[in-house]
Amino acid sequence: MVQLTNRFQSTKCGEDDNVRTHYERLADLREQLAAMGKAITDRVYAGTLMGSLPPSYESVLSAISLSS
């Protein structure tokens, strides 16, 4: 469970990676952790999703943060 949690928290999307594929990978890791009994709250999940994006998404993330 520790390794899976570390992978979930440290997975990053590269500049040339497909964001949808990256987010699907994180969703799968979240589901695996839930199956092991470690629930990831929506707030933590959202923070992980936002923090895993490359620097080129900074302006998009700022806009999302300001609107919420």
C-alpha atoms as a PDB file:
ATOM      1  CA  MET A   1       0.000   0.000   0.000  1.00  0.00           C
ATOM      2  CA  VAL A   2       2.896   2.360   0.783  1.00  0.00           C
ATOM      3  CA  GLN A   3       4.431   1.892  -2.665  1.00  0.00           C
ATOM      4  CA  LEU A   4       1.093   2.453  -4.365  1.00  0.00           C
ATOM      5  CA  THR A   5       0.473   5.597  -2.304  1.00  0.00           C
ATOM      6  CA  ASN A   6       3.909   6.905  -3.222  1.00  0.00           C
ATOM      7  CA  ARG A   7       3.270   6.202  -6.893  1.00  0.00           C
ATOM      8  CA  PHE A   8      -0.097   7.971  -6.686  1.00  0.00           C
ATOM      9  CA  GLN A   9       1.457  11.037  -5.051  1.00  0.00           C
ATOM     10  CA  SER A  10       4.552  11.225  -7.255  1.00  0.00           C
ATOM     11  CA  THR A  11       3.124  10.510 -10.712  1.00  0.00           C
ATOM     12  CA  LYS A  12       3.668  13.505 -12.964  1.00  0.00           C
ATOM     13  CA  CYS A  13       2.382  14.298 -16.436  1.00  0.00           C
ATOM     14  CA  GLY A  14       5.129  15.234 -18.877  1.00  0.00           C
ATOM     15  CA  GLU A  15       4.810  18.174 -21.250  1.00  0.00           C
ATOM     16  CA  ASP A  16       4.258  15.831 -24.197  1.00  0.00           C
ATOM     17  CA  ASP A  17       2.100  13.281 -22.361  1.00  0.00           C
ATOM     18  CA  ASN A  18      -1.613  12.873 -22.920  1.00  0.00           C
ATOM     19  CA  VAL A  19      -3.363  14.463 -19.921  1.00  0.00           C
ATOM     20  CA  ARG A  20      -6.408  12.239 -20.276  1.00  0.00           C
ATOM     21  CA  THR A  21      -4.245   9.097 -20.158  1.00  0.00           C
ATOM     22  CA  HIS A  22      -2.383  10.531 -17.181  1.00  0.00           C
ATOM     23  CA  TYR A  23      -5.624  11.249 -15.319  1.00  0.00           C
ATOM     24  CA  GLU A  24      -6.925   7.761 -16.121  1.00  0.00           C
ATOM     25  CA  ARG A  25      -3.727   6.329 -14.614  1.00  0.00           C
ATOM     26  CA  LEU A  26      -4.252   8.369 -11.435  1.00  0.00           C
ATOM     27  CA  ALA A  27      -7.910   7.314 -11.256  1.00  0.00           C
ATOM     28  CA  ASP A  28      -6.823   3.683 -11.528  1.00  0.00           C
ATOM     29  CA  LEU A  29      -4.286   4.143  -8.722  1.00  0.00           C
ATOM     30  CA  ARG A  30      -6.976   5.778  -6.572  1.00  0.00           C
ATOM     31  CA  GLU A  31      -9.303   2.833  -7.174  1.00  0.00           C
ATOM     32  CA  GLN A  32      -6.554   0.350  -6.311  1.00  0.00           C
ATOM     33  CA  LEU A  33      -5.881   2.188  -3.058  1.00  0.00           C
ATOM     34  CA  ALA A  34      -9.601   2.240  -2.223  1.00  0.00           C
ATOM     35  CA  ALA A  35      -9.759  -1.516  -2.809  1.00  0.00           C
ATOM     36  CA  MET A  36      -6.950  -1.888  -0.262  1.00  0.00           C
ATOM     37  CA  GLY A  37      -8.894   0.200   2.255  1.00  0.00           C
ATOM     38  CA  LYS A  38      -7.114   3.544   1.793  1.00  0.00           C
ATOM     39  CA  ALA A  39      -9.657   6.122   0.702  1.00  0.00           C
ATOM     40  CA  ILE A  40      -8.373   9.227  -1.076  1.00  0.00           C
ATOM     41  CA  THR A  41     -10.688  12.151  -0.362  1.00  0.00           C
ATOM     42  CA  ASP A  42     -11.930  14.267  -3.242  1.00  0.00           C
ATOM     43  CA  ARG A  43      -9.948  17.219  -1.917  1.00  0.00           C
ATOM     44  CA  VAL A  44      -6.680  15.260  -1.821  1.00  0.00           C
ATOM     45  CA  TYR A  45      -7.448  13.759  -5.226  1.00  0.00           C
ATOM     46  CA  ALA A  46      -8.082  17.178  -6.759  1.00  0.00           C
ATOM     47  CA  GLY A  47      -4.849  18.487  -5.283  1.00  0.00           C
ATOM     48  CA  THR A  48      -2.955  15.508  -6.657  1.00  0.00           C
ATOM     49  CA  LEU A  49      -4.483  15.970 -10.108  1.00  0.00           C
ATOM     50  CA  MET A  50      -3.608  19.654 -10.188  1.00  0.00           C
ATOM     51  CA  GLY A  51      -0.137  19.141  -8.766  1.00  0.00           C
ATOM     52  CA  SER A  52       0.707  16.441 -11.279  1.00  0.00           C
ATOM     53  CA  LEU A  53       0.341  18.664 -14.337  1.00  0.00           C
ATOM     54  CA  PRO A  54       3.375  20.148 -16.106  1.00  0.00           C
ATOM     55  CA  PRO A  55       4.313  23.835 -15.726  1.00  0.00           C
ATOM     56  CA  SER A  56       2.652  24.719 -19.027  1.00  0.00           C
ATOM     57  CA  TYR A  57      -0.741  24.248 -17.314  1.00  0.00           C
ATOM     58  CA  GLU A  58      -0.010  26.856 -14.629  1.00  0.00           C
ATOM     59  CA  SER A  59      -2.285  29.505 -16.155  1.00  0.00           C
ATOM     60  CA  VAL A  60      -5.145  27.011 -16.506  1.00  0.00           C
ATOM     61  CA  LEU A  61      -4.699  25.905 -12.891  1.00  0.00           C
ATOM     62  CA  SER A  62      -4.715  29.518 -11.721  1.00  0.00           C
ATOM     63  CA  ALA A  63      -7.972  30.148 -13.558  1.00  0.00           C
ATOM     64  CA  ILE A  64      -9.537  27.035 -12.062  1.00  0.00           C
ATOM     65  CA  SER A  65      -8.394  27.986  -8.564  1.00  0.00           C
ATOM     66  CA  LEU A  66      -9.761  31.503  -8.881  1.00  0.00           C
ATOM     67  CA  SER A  67     -13.146  30.302 -10.106  1.00  0.00           C
ATOM     68  CA  SER A  68     -13.687  27.902  -7.206  1.00  0.00           C
END
